Amino acid sequence: MATRCPNNKCSENRLWIPPRAHCPDCHTEMIWKTLPNPVIGTIYSFTEVVYAGIGIELSTPYWQVDVEIPGLATIPKSYLLYGKPTIGMKVKAEFRMKTPTNTVLDYYWVPYEQ
C-alpha cells in the first residue's frame, strides 16, 4: 500500500512509501492506493551493514538496499534477504508473514527472476 495526493491542482501525483497522512507539497489529506502485485523495483544504491546497532534484529553482515519503484516519489530502504546486490538489479518485495515484528523489518527484497 502507498498513498497519493488526490488534489488535482497539486504538482505531485506520484505514490509515497512509506505512506504519508498529508501531502508534503499541498498538505491535502492523502488517499490509499494499492500497488501492483508483485512489487518489482530496481536497486538504486546499496551498502553492506556489518554492525546493525540496537533494535535491528537482522544477522550481520547484510545488504541494505535503496529500491527505485516506478511511479513512486520516494526510494524506499530495506534489506536484501539473500544474494549480492548490484546497481540496476531487479528485485521483488516480500513480507515476513510467519513471525512478523510489526516493524519496517517485516518487508524485504529478493532477487527477481522472470
PDB file of N, CA and C in Angstrom:
ATOM      1  N   MET A   1       0.832  -1.174   0.000  1.00  0.00           N
ATOM      2  CA  MET A   1       0.000   0.000   0.000  1.00  0.00           C
ATOM      3  C   MET A   1       0.883   1.245   0.000  1.00  0.00           C
ATOM      4  N   ALA A   2       0.364   2.253  -0.661  1.00  0.00           N
ATOM      5  CA  ALA A   2       1.047   3.539  -0.734  1.00  0.00           C
ATOM      6  C   ALA A   2      -0.016   4.622  -0.620  1.00  0.00           C
ATOM      7  N   THR A   3       0.419   5.868  -0.522  1.00  0.00           N
ATOM      8  CA  THR A   3      -0.534   6.970  -0.507  1.00  0.00           C
ATOM      9  C   THR A   3      -0.250   7.901  -1.679  1.00  0.00           C
ATOM     10  N   ARG A   4      -1.301   8.640  -2.063  1.00  0.00           N
ATOM     11  CA  ARG A   4      -1.205   9.586  -3.176  1.00  0.00           C
ATOM     12  C   ARG A   4      -2.046  10.808  -2.839  1.00  0.00           C
ATOM     13  N   CYS A   5      -1.611  11.955  -3.315  1.00  0.00           N
ATOM     14  CA  CYS A   5      -2.359  13.192  -3.110  1.00  0.00           C
ATOM     15  C   CYS A   5      -3.520  13.248  -4.114  1.00  0.00           C
ATOM     16  N   PRO A   6      -4.760  13.435  -3.623  1.00  0.00           N
ATOM     17  CA  PRO A   6      -5.908  13.481  -4.525  1.00  0.00           C
ATOM     18  C   PRO A   6      -6.179  14.874  -5.106  1.00  0.00           C
ATOM     19  N   ASN A   7      -5.395  15.877  -4.706  1.00  0.00           N
ATOM     20  CA  ASN A   7      -5.605  17.249  -5.151  1.00  0.00           C
ATOM     21  C   ASN A   7      -5.141  17.399  -6.609  1.00  0.00           C
ATOM     22  N   ASN A   8      -6.063  17.626  -7.516  1.00  0.00           N
ATOM     23  CA  ASN A   8      -5.734  17.763  -8.949  1.00  0.00           C
ATOM     24  C   ASN A   8      -4.846  18.970  -9.231  1.00  0.00           C
ATOM     25  N   LYS A   9      -4.833  19.950  -8.343  1.00  0.00           N
ATOM     26  CA  LYS A   9      -4.016  21.147  -8.536  1.00  0.00           C
ATOM     27  C   LYS A   9      -2.594  20.970  -8.014  1.00  0.00           C
ATOM     28  N   CYS A  10      -2.350  19.881  -7.289  1.00  0.00           N
ATOM     29  CA  CYS A  10      -1.023  19.610  -6.735  1.00  0.00           C
ATOM     30  C   CYS A  10      -0.097  19.101  -7.840  1.00  0.00           C
ATOM     31  N   SER A  11       1.128  19.565  -7.825  1.00  0.00           N
ATOM     32  CA  SER A  11       2.089  19.142  -8.854  1.00  0.00           C
ATOM     33  C   SER A  11       2.618  17.732  -8.624  1.00  0.00           C
ATOM     34  N   GLU A  12       2.471  17.199  -7.405  1.00  0.00           N
ATOM     35  CA  GLU A  12       2.991  15.855  -7.092  1.00  0.00           C
ATOM     36  C   GLU A  12       1.871  14.834  -7.182  1.00  0.00           C
ATOM     37  N   ASN A  13       1.935  13.972  -8.181  1.00  0.00           N
ATOM     38  CA  ASN A  13       0.892  12.976  -8.394  1.00  0.00           C
ATOM     39  C   ASN A  13       1.413  11.549  -8.226  1.00  0.00           C
ATOM     40  N   ARG A  14       2.669  11.404  -7.800  1.00  0.00           N
ATOM     41  CA  ARG A  14       3.230  10.061  -7.630  1.00  0.00           C
ATOM     42  C   ARG A  14       2.812   9.462  -6.292  1.00  0.00           C
ATOM     43  N   LEU A  15       3.102   8.184  -6.123  1.00  0.00           N
ATOM     44  CA  LEU A  15       2.793   7.472  -4.878  1.00  0.00           C
ATOM     45  C   LEU A  15       3.920   7.649  -3.870  1.00  0.00           C
ATOM     46  N   TRP A  16       3.557   7.489  -2.580  1.00  0.00           N
ATOM     47  CA  TRP A  16       4.517   7.646  -1.496  1.00  0.00           C
ATOM     48  C   TRP A  16       4.585   6.388  -0.636  1.00  0.00           C
ATOM     49  N   ILE A  17       5.804   5.900  -0.425  1.00  0.00           N
ATOM     50  CA  ILE A  17       6.106   4.840   0.529  1.00  0.00           C
ATOM     51  C   ILE A  17       7.330   5.309   1.301  1.00  0.00           C
ATOM     52  N   PRO A  18       7.326   5.314   2.619  1.00  0.00           N
ATOM     53  CA  PRO A  18       6.208   4.967   3.481  1.00  0.00           C
ATOM     54  C   PRO A  18       5.056   5.944   3.291  1.00  0.00           C
ATOM     55  N   PRO A  19       3.837   5.496   3.650  1.00  0.00           N
ATOM     56  CA  PRO A  19       2.654   6.336   3.454  1.00  0.00           C
ATOM     57  C   PRO A  19       2.729   7.630   4.255  1.00  0.00           C
ATOM     58  N   ARG A  20       2.125   8.661   3.701  1.00  0.00           N
ATOM     59  CA  ARG A  20       2.039   9.961   4.372  1.00  0.00           C
ATOM     60  C   ARG A  20       0.584  10.239   4.718  1.00  0.00           C
ATOM     61  N   ALA A  21       0.320  10.910   5.825  1.00  0.00           N
ATOM     62  CA  ALA A  21      -1.045  11.305   6.191  1.00  0.00           C
ATOM     63  C   ALA A  21      -1.497  12.489   5.347  1.00  0.00           C
ATOM     64  N   HIS A  22      -0.543  13.395   5.074  1.00  0.00           N
ATOM     65  CA  HIS A  22      -0.848  14.594   4.297  1.00  0.00           C
ATOM     66  C   HIS A  22       0.236  14.810   3.244  1.00  0.00           C
ATOM     67  N   CYS A  23      -0.149  15.388   2.130  1.00  0.00           N
ATOM     68  CA  CYS A  23       0.785  15.663   1.045  1.00  0.00           C
ATOM     69  C   CYS A  23       1.859  16.636   1.530  1.00  0.00           C
ATOM     70  N   PRO A  24       3.126  16.321   1.326  1.00  0.00           N
ATOM     71  CA  PRO A  24       4.178  17.225   1.763  1.00  0.00           C
ATOM     72  C   PRO A  24       4.231  18.525   0.956  1.00  0.00           C
ATOM     73  N   ASP A  25       3.579  18.550  -0.215  1.00  0.00           N
ATOM     74  CA  ASP A  25       3.605  19.746  -1.062  1.00  0.00           C
ATOM     75  C   ASP A  25       2.422  20.679  -0.817  1.00  0.00           C
ATOM     76  N   CYS A  26       1.181  20.115  -0.742  1.00  0.00           N
ATOM     77  CA  CYS A  26      -0.004  20.983  -0.618  1.00  0.00           C
ATOM     78  C   CYS A  26      -0.784  20.747   0.674  1.00  0.00           C
ATOM     79  N   HIS A  27      -0.377  19.774   1.478  1.00  0.00           N
ATOM     80  CA  HIS A  27      -0.959  19.466   2.787  1.00  0.00           C
ATOM     81  C   HIS A  27      -2.378  18.890   2.729  1.00  0.00           C
ATOM     82  N   THR A  28      -2.803  18.414   1.555  1.00  0.00           N
ATOM     83  CA  THR A  28      -4.086  17.732   1.419  1.00  0.00           C
ATOM     84  C   THR A  28      -3.978  16.349   2.034  1.00  0.00           C
ATOM     85  N   GLU A  29      -5.069  15.860   2.637  1.00  0.00           N
ATOM     86  CA  GLU A  29      -5.069  14.515   3.195  1.00  0.00           C
ATOM     87  C   GLU A  29      -4.886  13.502   2.067  1.00  0.00           C
ATOM     88  N   MET A  30      -3.964  12.579   2.271  1.00  0.00           N
ATOM     89  CA  MET A  30      -3.635  11.582   1.248  1.00  0.00           C
ATOM     90  C   MET A  30      -4.700  10.482   1.202  1.00  0.00           C
ATOM     91  N   ILE A  31      -4.729   9.757   0.065  1.00  0.00           N
ATOM     92  CA  ILE A  31      -5.603   8.598  -0.083  1.00  0.00           C
ATOM     93  C   ILE A  31      -4.735   7.363  -0.298  1.00  0.00           C
ATOM     94  N   TRP A  32      -5.287   6.207   0.082  1.00  0.00           N
ATOM     95  CA  TRP A  32      -4.564   4.934  -0.059  1.00  0.00           C
ATOM     96  C   TRP A  32      -4.687   4.411  -1.474  1.00  0.00           C
ATOM     97  N   LYS A  33      -3.601   3.831  -1.967  1.00  0.00           N
ATOM     98  CA  LYS A  33      -3.564   3.190  -3.273  1.00  0.00           C
ATOM     99  C   LYS A  33      -2.871   1.843  -3.138  1.00  0.00           C
ATOM    100  N   THR A  34      -3.367   0.866  -3.870  1.00  0.00           N
ATOM    101  CA  THR A  34      -2.752  -0.462  -3.879  1.00  0.00           C
ATOM    102  C   THR A  34      -1.707  -0.524  -4.985  1.00  0.00           C
ATOM    103  N   LEU A  35      -0.550  -1.045  -4.655  1.00  0.00           N
ATOM    104  CA  LEU A  35       0.494  -1.240  -5.658  1.00  0.00           C
ATOM    105  C   LEU A  35       0.227  -2.530  -6.422  1.00  0.00           C
ATOM    106  N   PRO A  36       0.720  -2.621  -7.658  1.00  0.00           N
ATOM    107  CA  PRO A  36       0.558  -3.878  -8.397  1.00  0.00           C
ATOM    108  C   PRO A  36       1.283  -5.011  -7.679  1.00  0.00           C
ATOM    109  N   ASN A  37       0.795  -6.223  -7.860  1.00  0.00           N
ATOM    110  CA  ASN A  37       1.398  -7.384  -7.220  1.00  0.00           C
ATOM    111  C   ASN A  37       1.949  -8.304  -8.299  1.00  0.00           C
ATOM    112  N   PRO A  38       3.214  -8.651  -8.286  1.00  0.00           N
ATOM    113  CA  PRO A  38       4.214  -8.332  -7.274  1.00  0.00           C
ATOM    114  C   PRO A  38       4.779  -6.923  -7.468  1.00  0.00           C
ATOM    115  N   VAL A  39       5.375  -6.384  -6.396  1.00  0.00           N
ATOM    116  CA  VAL A  39       6.049  -5.093  -6.472  1.00  0.00           C
ATOM    117  C   VAL A  39       7.480  -5.360  -6.913  1.00  0.00           C
ATOM    118  N   ILE A  40       7.812  -4.850  -8.098  1.00  0.00           N
ATOM    119  CA  ILE A  40       9.145  -5.041  -8.676  1.00  0.00           C
ATOM    120  C   ILE A  40       9.844  -3.693  -8.712  1.00  0.00           C
ATOM    121  N   GLY A  41      11.087  -3.677  -8.261  1.00  0.00           N
ATOM    122  CA  GLY A  41      11.870  -2.454  -8.281  1.00  0.00           C
ATOM    123  C   GLY A  41      13.274  -2.708  -8.765  1.00  0.00           C
ATOM    124  N   THR A  42      14.060  -1.647  -8.794  1.00  0.00           N
ATOM    125  CA  THR A  42      15.444  -1.699  -9.252  1.00  0.00           C
ATOM    126  C   THR A  42      16.334  -1.135  -8.153  1.00  0.00           C
ATOM    127  N   ILE A  43      17.407  -1.840  -7.845  1.00  0.00           N
ATOM    128  CA  ILE A  43      18.319  -1.353  -6.814  1.00  0.00           C
ATOM    129  C   ILE A  43      18.973  -0.066  -7.297  1.00  0.00           C
ATOM    130  N   TYR A  44      18.784   0.983  -6.498  1.00  0.00           N
ATOM    131  CA  TYR A  44      19.308   2.315  -6.787  1.00  0.00           C
ATOM    132  C   TYR A  44      20.684   2.506  -6.134  1.00  0.00           C
ATOM    133  N   SER A  45      20.812   2.019  -4.896  1.00  0.00           N
ATOM    134  CA  SER A  45      22.082   2.038  -4.178  1.00  0.00           C
ATOM    135  C   SER A  45      22.041   0.965  -3.094  1.00  0.00           C
ATOM    136  N   PHE A  46      23.213   0.638  -2.552  1.00  0.00           N
ATOM    137  CA  PHE A  46      23.267  -0.376  -1.502  1.00  0.00           C
ATOM    138  C   PHE A  46      24.505  -0.173  -0.652  1.00  0.00           C
ATOM    139  N   THR A  47      24.467  -0.785   0.530  1.00  0.00           N
ATOM    140  CA  THR A  47      25.631  -0.784   1.409  1.00  0.00           C
ATOM    141  C   THR A  47      25.614  -2.060   2.244  1.00  0.00           C
ATOM    142  N   GLU A  48      26.773  -2.547   2.589  1.00  0.00           N
ATOM    143  CA  GLU A  48      26.870  -3.712   3.464  1.00  0.00           C
ATOM    144  C   GLU A  48      26.895  -3.234   4.909  1.00  0.00           C
ATOM    145  N   VAL A  49      25.976  -3.754   5.704  1.00  0.00           N
ATOM    146  CA  VAL A  49      25.906  -3.407   7.121  1.00  0.00           C
ATOM    147  C   VAL A  49      26.619  -4.493   7.913  1.00  0.00           C
ATOM    148  N   VAL A  50      27.665  -4.113   8.608  1.00  0.00           N
ATOM    149  CA  VAL A  50      28.451  -5.056   9.399  1.00  0.00           C
ATOM    150  C   VAL A  50      28.006  -5.024  10.857  1.00  0.00           C
ATOM    151  N   TYR A  51      27.660  -3.834  11.353  1.00  0.00           N
ATOM    152  CA  TYR A  51      27.149  -3.682  12.710  1.00  0.00           C
ATOM    153  C   TYR A  51      25.821  -2.949  12.620  1.00  0.00           C
ATOM    154  N   ALA A  52      24.735  -3.630  12.967  1.00  0.00           N
ATOM    155  CA  ALA A  52      23.400  -3.074  12.760  1.00  0.00           C
ATOM    156  C   ALA A  52      22.954  -2.149  13.881  1.00  0.00           C
ATOM    157  N   GLY A  53      23.469  -2.305  15.054  1.00  0.00           N
ATOM    158  CA  GLY A  53      23.049  -1.458  16.154  1.00  0.00           C
ATOM    159  C   GLY A  53      21.872  -2.051  16.912  1.00  0.00           C
ATOM    160  N   ILE A  54      21.492  -1.388  17.975  1.00  0.00           N
ATOM    161  CA  ILE A  54      20.424  -1.861  18.858  1.00  0.00           C
ATOM    162  C   ILE A  54      19.081  -1.764  18.152  1.00  0.00           C
ATOM    163  N   GLY A  55      18.267  -2.797  18.302  1.00  0.00           N
ATOM    164  CA  GLY A  55      16.914  -2.780  17.754  1.00  0.00           C
ATOM    165  C   GLY A  55      16.778  -3.375  16.367  1.00  0.00           C
ATOM    166  N   ILE A  56      17.877  -3.636  15.700  1.00  0.00           N
ATOM    167  CA  ILE A  56      17.826  -4.272  14.379  1.00  0.00           C
ATOM    168  C   ILE A  56      18.071  -5.760  14.597  1.00  0.00           C
ATOM    169  N   GLU A  57      17.046  -6.545  14.321  1.00  0.00           N
ATOM    170  CA  GLU A  57      17.105  -7.982  14.614  1.00  0.00           C
ATOM    171  C   GLU A  57      17.553  -8.800  13.418  1.00  0.00           C
ATOM    172  N   LEU A  58      18.448  -8.265  12.619  1.00  0.00           N
ATOM    173  CA  LEU A  58      18.963  -8.985  11.461  1.00  0.00           C
ATOM    174  C   LEU A  58      20.365  -9.484  11.760  1.00  0.00           C
ATOM    175  N   SER A  59      20.688 -10.647  11.203  1.00  0.00           N
ATOM    176  CA  SER A  59      22.045 -11.160  11.342  1.00  0.00           C
ATOM    177  C   SER A  59      22.970 -10.344  10.453  1.00  0.00           C
ATOM    178  N   THR A  60      24.113  -9.999  10.979  1.00  0.00           N
ATOM    179  CA  THR A  60      25.074  -9.238  10.190  1.00  0.00           C
ATOM    180  C   THR A  60      26.159 -10.163   9.689  1.00  0.00           C
ATOM    181  N   PRO A  61      26.788  -9.840   8.585  1.00  0.00           N
ATOM    182  CA  PRO A  61      26.504  -8.690   7.737  1.00  0.00           C
ATOM    183  C   PRO A  61      25.259  -8.944   6.864  1.00  0.00           C
ATOM    184  N   TYR A  62      24.622  -7.847   6.434  1.00  0.00           N
ATOM    185  CA  TYR A  62      23.508  -7.925   5.484  1.00  0.00           C
ATOM    186  C   TYR A  62      23.590  -6.730   4.550  1.00  0.00           C
ATOM    187  N   TRP A  63      22.862  -6.820   3.449  1.00  0.00           N
ATOM    188  CA  TRP A  63      22.857  -5.757   2.441  1.00  0.00           C
ATOM    189  C   TRP A  63      21.637  -4.870   2.634  1.00  0.00           C
ATOM    190  N   GLN A  64      21.875  -3.613   2.916  1.00  0.00           N
ATOM    191  CA  GLN A  64      20.806  -2.618   2.974  1.00  0.00           C
ATOM    192  C   GLN A  64      20.686  -2.046   1.561  1.00  0.00           C
ATOM    193  N   VAL A  65      19.458  -2.003   1.021  1.00  0.00           N
ATOM    194  CA  VAL A  65      19.267  -1.561  -0.356  1.00  0.00           C
ATOM    195  C   VAL A  65      18.235  -0.437  -0.431  1.00  0.00           C
ATOM    196  N   ASP A  66      18.476   0.485  -1.336  1.00  0.00           N
ATOM    197  CA  ASP A  66      17.517   1.518  -1.699  1.00  0.00           C
ATOM    198  C   ASP A  66      16.955   1.092  -3.049  1.00  0.00           C
ATOM    199  N   VAL A  67      15.615   1.004  -3.135  1.00  0.00           N
ATOM    200  CA  VAL A  67      14.992   0.434  -4.323  1.00  0.00           C
ATOM    201  C   VAL A  67      14.082   1.466  -4.992  1.00  0.00           C
ATOM    202  N   GLU A  68      14.331   1.686  -6.263  1.00  0.00           N
ATOM    203  CA  GLU A  68      13.505   2.591  -7.061  1.00  0.00           C
ATOM    204  C   GLU A  68      12.346   1.789  -7.644  1.00  0.00           C
ATOM    205  N   ILE A  69      11.123   2.278  -7.379  1.00  0.00           N
ATOM    206  CA  ILE A  69       9.910   1.624  -7.871  1.00  0.00           C
ATOM    207  C   ILE A  69       9.223   2.599  -8.820  1.00  0.00           C
ATOM    208  N   PRO A  70       8.880   2.174 -10.037  1.00  0.00           N
ATOM    209  CA  PRO A  70       8.236   3.089 -10.978  1.00  0.00           C
ATOM    210  C   PRO A  70       6.972   3.719 -10.385  1.00  0.00           C
ATOM    211  N   GLY A  71       6.839   5.031 -10.556  1.00  0.00           N
ATOM    212  CA  GLY A  71       5.657   5.744 -10.095  1.00  0.00           C
ATOM    213  C   GLY A  71       5.722   6.236  -8.661  1.00  0.00           C
ATOM    214  N   LEU A  72       6.813   5.949  -7.942  1.00  0.00           N
ATOM    215  CA  LEU A  72       6.948   6.405  -6.560  1.00  0.00           C
ATOM    216  C   LEU A  72       7.733   7.705  -6.485  1.00  0.00           C
ATOM    217  N   ALA A  73       7.353   8.566  -5.555  1.00  0.00           N
ATOM    218  CA  ALA A  73       8.068   9.812  -5.306  1.00  0.00           C
ATOM    219  C   ALA A  73       9.264   9.575  -4.394  1.00  0.00           C
ATOM    220  N   THR A  74       9.329   8.412  -3.796  1.00  0.00           N
ATOM    221  CA  THR A  74      10.369   8.094  -2.816  1.00  0.00           C
ATOM    222  C   THR A  74      11.173   6.890  -3.285  1.00  0.00           C
ATOM    223  N   ILE A  75      12.299   6.671  -2.636  1.00  0.00           N
ATOM    224  CA  ILE A  75      13.110   5.477  -2.875  1.00  0.00           C
ATOM    225  C   ILE A  75      13.214   4.755  -1.537  1.00  0.00           C
ATOM    226  N   PRO A  76      12.329   3.751  -1.314  1.00  0.00           N
ATOM    227  CA  PRO A  76      12.315   3.086  -0.014  1.00  0.00           C
ATOM    228  C   PRO A  76      13.590   2.284   0.266  1.00  0.00           C
ATOM    229  N   LYS A  77      13.906   2.200   1.536  1.00  0.00           N
ATOM    230  CA  LYS A  77      15.098   1.488   2.014  1.00  0.00           C
ATOM    231  C   LYS A  77      14.647   0.236   2.754  1.00  0.00           C
ATOM    232  N   SER A  78      15.341  -0.862   2.522  1.00  0.00           N
ATOM    233  CA  SER A  78      15.082  -2.099   3.244  1.00  0.00           C
ATOM    234  C   SER A  78      16.338  -2.960   3.133  1.00  0.00           C
ATOM    235  N   TYR A  79      16.164  -4.270   3.121  1.00  0.00           N
ATOM    236  CA  TYR A  79      17.328  -5.136   3.027  1.00  0.00           C
ATOM    237  C   TYR A  79      17.083  -6.251   2.020  1.00  0.00           C
ATOM    238  N   LEU A  80      18.175  -6.767   1.472  1.00  0.00           N
ATOM    239  CA  LEU A  80      18.133  -7.873   0.524  1.00  0.00           C
ATOM    240  C   LEU A  80      18.244  -9.161   1.331  1.00  0.00           C
ATOM    241  N   LEU A  81      17.239 -10.030   1.218  1.00  0.00           N
ATOM    242  CA  LEU A  81      17.199 -11.241   2.032  1.00  0.00           C
ATOM    243  C   LEU A  81      18.343 -12.192   1.699  1.00  0.00           C
ATOM    244  N   TYR A  82      18.675 -12.319   0.415  1.00  0.00           N
ATOM    245  CA  TYR A  82      19.790 -13.184   0.014  1.00  0.00           C
ATOM    246  C   TYR A  82      20.376 -12.666  -1.294  1.00  0.00           C
ATOM    247  N   GLY A  83      21.571 -13.122  -1.591  1.00  0.00           N
ATOM    248  CA  GLY A  83      22.259 -12.698  -2.810  1.00  0.00           C
ATOM    249  C   GLY A  83      23.104 -11.462  -2.566  1.00  0.00           C
ATOM    250  N   LYS A  84      23.823 -11.055  -3.617  1.00  0.00           N
ATOM    251  CA  LYS A  84      24.668  -9.868  -3.559  1.00  0.00           C
ATOM    252  C   LYS A  84      24.078  -8.828  -4.504  1.00  0.00           C
ATOM    253  N   PRO A  85      23.814  -7.611  -4.020  1.00  0.00           N
ATOM    254  CA  PRO A  85      23.180  -6.603  -4.858  1.00  0.00           C
ATOM    255  C   PRO A  85      24.134  -5.987  -5.876  1.00  0.00           C
ATOM    256  N   THR A  86      23.553  -5.491  -6.946  1.00  0.00           N
ATOM    257  CA  THR A  86      24.260  -4.672  -7.925  1.00  0.00           C
ATOM    258  C   THR A  86      23.333  -3.523  -8.311  1.00  0.00           C
ATOM    259  N   ILE A  87      23.909  -2.411  -8.696  1.00  0.00           N
ATOM    260  CA  ILE A  87      23.107  -1.272  -9.152  1.00  0.00           C
ATOM    261  C   ILE A  87      22.345  -1.709 -10.403  1.00  0.00           C
ATOM    262  N   GLY A  88      21.045  -1.429 -10.425  1.00  0.00           N
ATOM    263  CA  GLY A  88      20.212  -1.802 -11.570  1.00  0.00           C
ATOM    264  C   GLY A  88      19.599  -3.187 -11.476  1.00  0.00           C
ATOM    265  N   MET A  89      19.939  -3.946 -10.438  1.00  0.00           N
ATOM    266  CA  MET A  89      19.405  -5.299 -10.263  1.00  0.00           C
ATOM    267  C   MET A  89      17.899  -5.243  -9.976  1.00  0.00           C
ATOM    268  N   LYS A  90      17.128  -6.084 -10.635  1.00  0.00           N
ATOM    269  CA  LYS A  90      15.685  -6.172 -10.396  1.00  0.00           C
ATOM    270  C   LYS A  90      15.443  -6.997  -9.134  1.00  0.00           C
ATOM    271  N   VAL A  91      14.546  -6.472  -8.277  1.00  0.00           N
ATOM    272  CA  VAL A  91      14.209  -7.151  -7.033  1.00  0.00           C
ATOM    273  C   VAL A  91      12.701  -7.124  -6.829  1.00  0.00           C
ATOM    274  N   LYS A  92      12.220  -8.059  -6.021  1.00  0.00           N
ATOM    275  CA  LYS A  92      10.796  -8.179  -5.728  1.00  0.00           C
ATOM    276  C   LYS A  92      10.581  -8.044  -4.229  1.00  0.00           C
ATOM    277  N   ALA A  93       9.539  -7.280  -3.849  1.00  0.00           N
ATOM    278  CA  ALA A  93       9.206  -7.101  -2.440  1.00  0.00           C
ATOM    279  C   ALA A  93       8.542  -8.356  -1.894  1.00  0.00           C
ATOM    280  N   GLU A  94       8.931  -8.744  -0.698  1.00  0.00           N
ATOM    281  CA  GLU A  94       8.282  -9.841   0.014  1.00  0.00           C
ATOM    282  C   GLU A  94       8.091  -9.413   1.465  1.00  0.00           C
ATOM    283  N   PHE A  95       7.259 -10.174   2.182  1.00  0.00           N
ATOM    284  CA  PHE A  95       6.883  -9.782   3.535  1.00  0.00           C
ATOM    285  C   PHE A  95       7.007 -10.952   4.495  1.00  0.00           C
ATOM    286  N   ARG A  96       7.478 -10.672   5.702  1.00  0.00           N
ATOM    287  CA  ARG A  96       7.583 -11.673   6.760  1.00  0.00           C
ATOM    288  C   ARG A  96       6.176 -11.915   7.305  1.00  0.00           C
ATOM    289  N   MET A  97       5.635 -13.116   7.080  1.00  0.00           N
ATOM    290  CA  MET A  97       4.262 -13.414   7.467  1.00  0.00           C
ATOM    291  C   MET A  97       4.179 -14.332   8.688  1.00  0.00           C
ATOM    292  N   LYS A  98       5.153 -15.228   8.863  1.00  0.00           N
ATOM    293  CA  LYS A  98       5.054 -16.226   9.940  1.00  0.00           C
ATOM    294  C   LYS A  98       5.305 -15.632  11.317  1.00  0.00           C
ATOM    295  N   THR A  99       6.333 -14.832  11.444  1.00  0.00           N
ATOM    296  CA  THR A  99       6.651 -14.230  12.743  1.00  0.00           C
ATOM    297  C   THR A  99       6.910 -12.733  12.551  1.00  0.00           C
ATOM    298  N   PRO A 100       5.874 -11.969  12.233  1.00  0.00           N
ATOM    299  CA  PRO A 100       6.093 -10.538  11.984  1.00  0.00           C
ATOM    300  C   PRO A 100       6.526  -9.801  13.250  1.00  0.00           C
ATOM    301  N   THR A 101       7.313  -8.763  13.038  1.00  0.00           N
ATOM    302  CA  THR A 101       7.774  -7.929  14.143  1.00  0.00           C
ATOM    303  C   THR A 101       6.956  -6.643  14.242  1.00  0.00           C
ATOM    304  N   ASN A 102       6.081  -6.430  13.261  1.00  0.00           N
ATOM    305  CA  ASN A 102       5.298  -5.194  13.173  1.00  0.00           C
ATOM    306  C   ASN A 102       6.200  -3.970  13.099  1.00  0.00           C
ATOM    307  N   THR A 103       7.314  -4.135  12.398  1.00  0.00           N
ATOM    308  CA  THR A 103       8.264  -3.051  12.165  1.00  0.00           C
ATOM    309  C   THR A 103       8.591  -3.024  10.672  1.00  0.00           C
ATOM    310  N   VAL A 104       9.425  -2.083  10.292  1.00  0.00           N
ATOM    311  CA  VAL A 104       9.867  -1.983   8.906  1.00  0.00           C
ATOM    312  C   VAL A 104      10.654  -3.232   8.469  1.00  0.00           C
ATOM    313  N   LEU A 105      11.128  -4.024   9.431  1.00  0.00           N
ATOM    314  CA  LEU A 105      11.879  -5.242   9.095  1.00  0.00           C
ATOM    315  C   LEU A 105      10.985  -6.341   8.523  1.00  0.00           C
ATOM    316  N   ASP A 106       9.669  -6.135   8.528  1.00  0.00           N
ATOM    317  CA  ASP A 106       8.755  -7.153   8.003  1.00  0.00           C
ATOM    318  C   ASP A 106       8.665  -7.149   6.476  1.00  0.00           C
ATOM    319  N   TYR A 107       9.273  -6.170   5.830  1.00  0.00           N
ATOM    320  CA  TYR A 107       9.331  -6.245   4.370  1.00  0.00           C
ATOM    321  C   TYR A 107      10.787  -6.194   3.927  1.00  0.00           C
ATOM    322  N   TYR A 108      11.068  -6.924   2.865  1.00  0.00           N
ATOM    323  CA  TYR A 108      12.436  -7.046   2.373  1.00  0.00           C
ATOM    324  C   TYR A 108      12.381  -7.304   0.876  1.00  0.00           C
ATOM    325  N   TRP A 109      13.533  -7.408   0.266  1.00  0.00           N
ATOM    326  CA  TRP A 109      13.637  -7.625  -1.175  1.00  0.00           C
ATOM    327  C   TRP A 109      14.356  -8.934  -1.459  1.00  0.00           C
ATOM    328  N   VAL A 110      13.987  -9.574  -2.558  1.00  0.00           N
ATOM    329  CA  VAL A 110      14.681 -10.756  -3.041  1.00  0.00           C
ATOM    330  C   VAL A 110      14.981 -10.537  -4.526  1.00  0.00           C
ATOM    331  N   PRO A 111      16.046 -11.162  -5.034  1.00  0.00           N
ATOM    332  CA  PRO A 111      16.326 -11.020  -6.469  1.00  0.00           C
ATOM    333  C   PRO A 111      15.119 -11.472  -7.296  1.00  0.00           C
ATOM    334  N   TYR A 112      14.814 -10.706  -8.329  1.00  0.00           N
ATOM    335  CA  TYR A 112      13.659 -11.014  -9.184  1.00  0.00           C
ATOM    336  C   TYR A 112      14.136 -11.721 -10.447  1.00  0.00           C
ATOM    337  N   GLU A 113      13.611 -12.897 -10.626  1.00  0.00           N
ATOM    338  CA  GLU A 113      13.931 -13.694 -11.803  1.00  0.00           C
ATOM    339  C   GLU A 113      12.647 -13.961 -12.551  1.00  0.00           C
ATOM    340  N   GLN A 114      12.554 -13.470 -13.777  1.00  0.00           N
ATOM    341  CA  GLN A 114      11.324 -13.626 -14.554  1.00  0.00           C
ATOM    342  C   GLN A 114      11.126 -15.028 -15.040  1.00  0.00           C
TER     343      GLN A 114
END
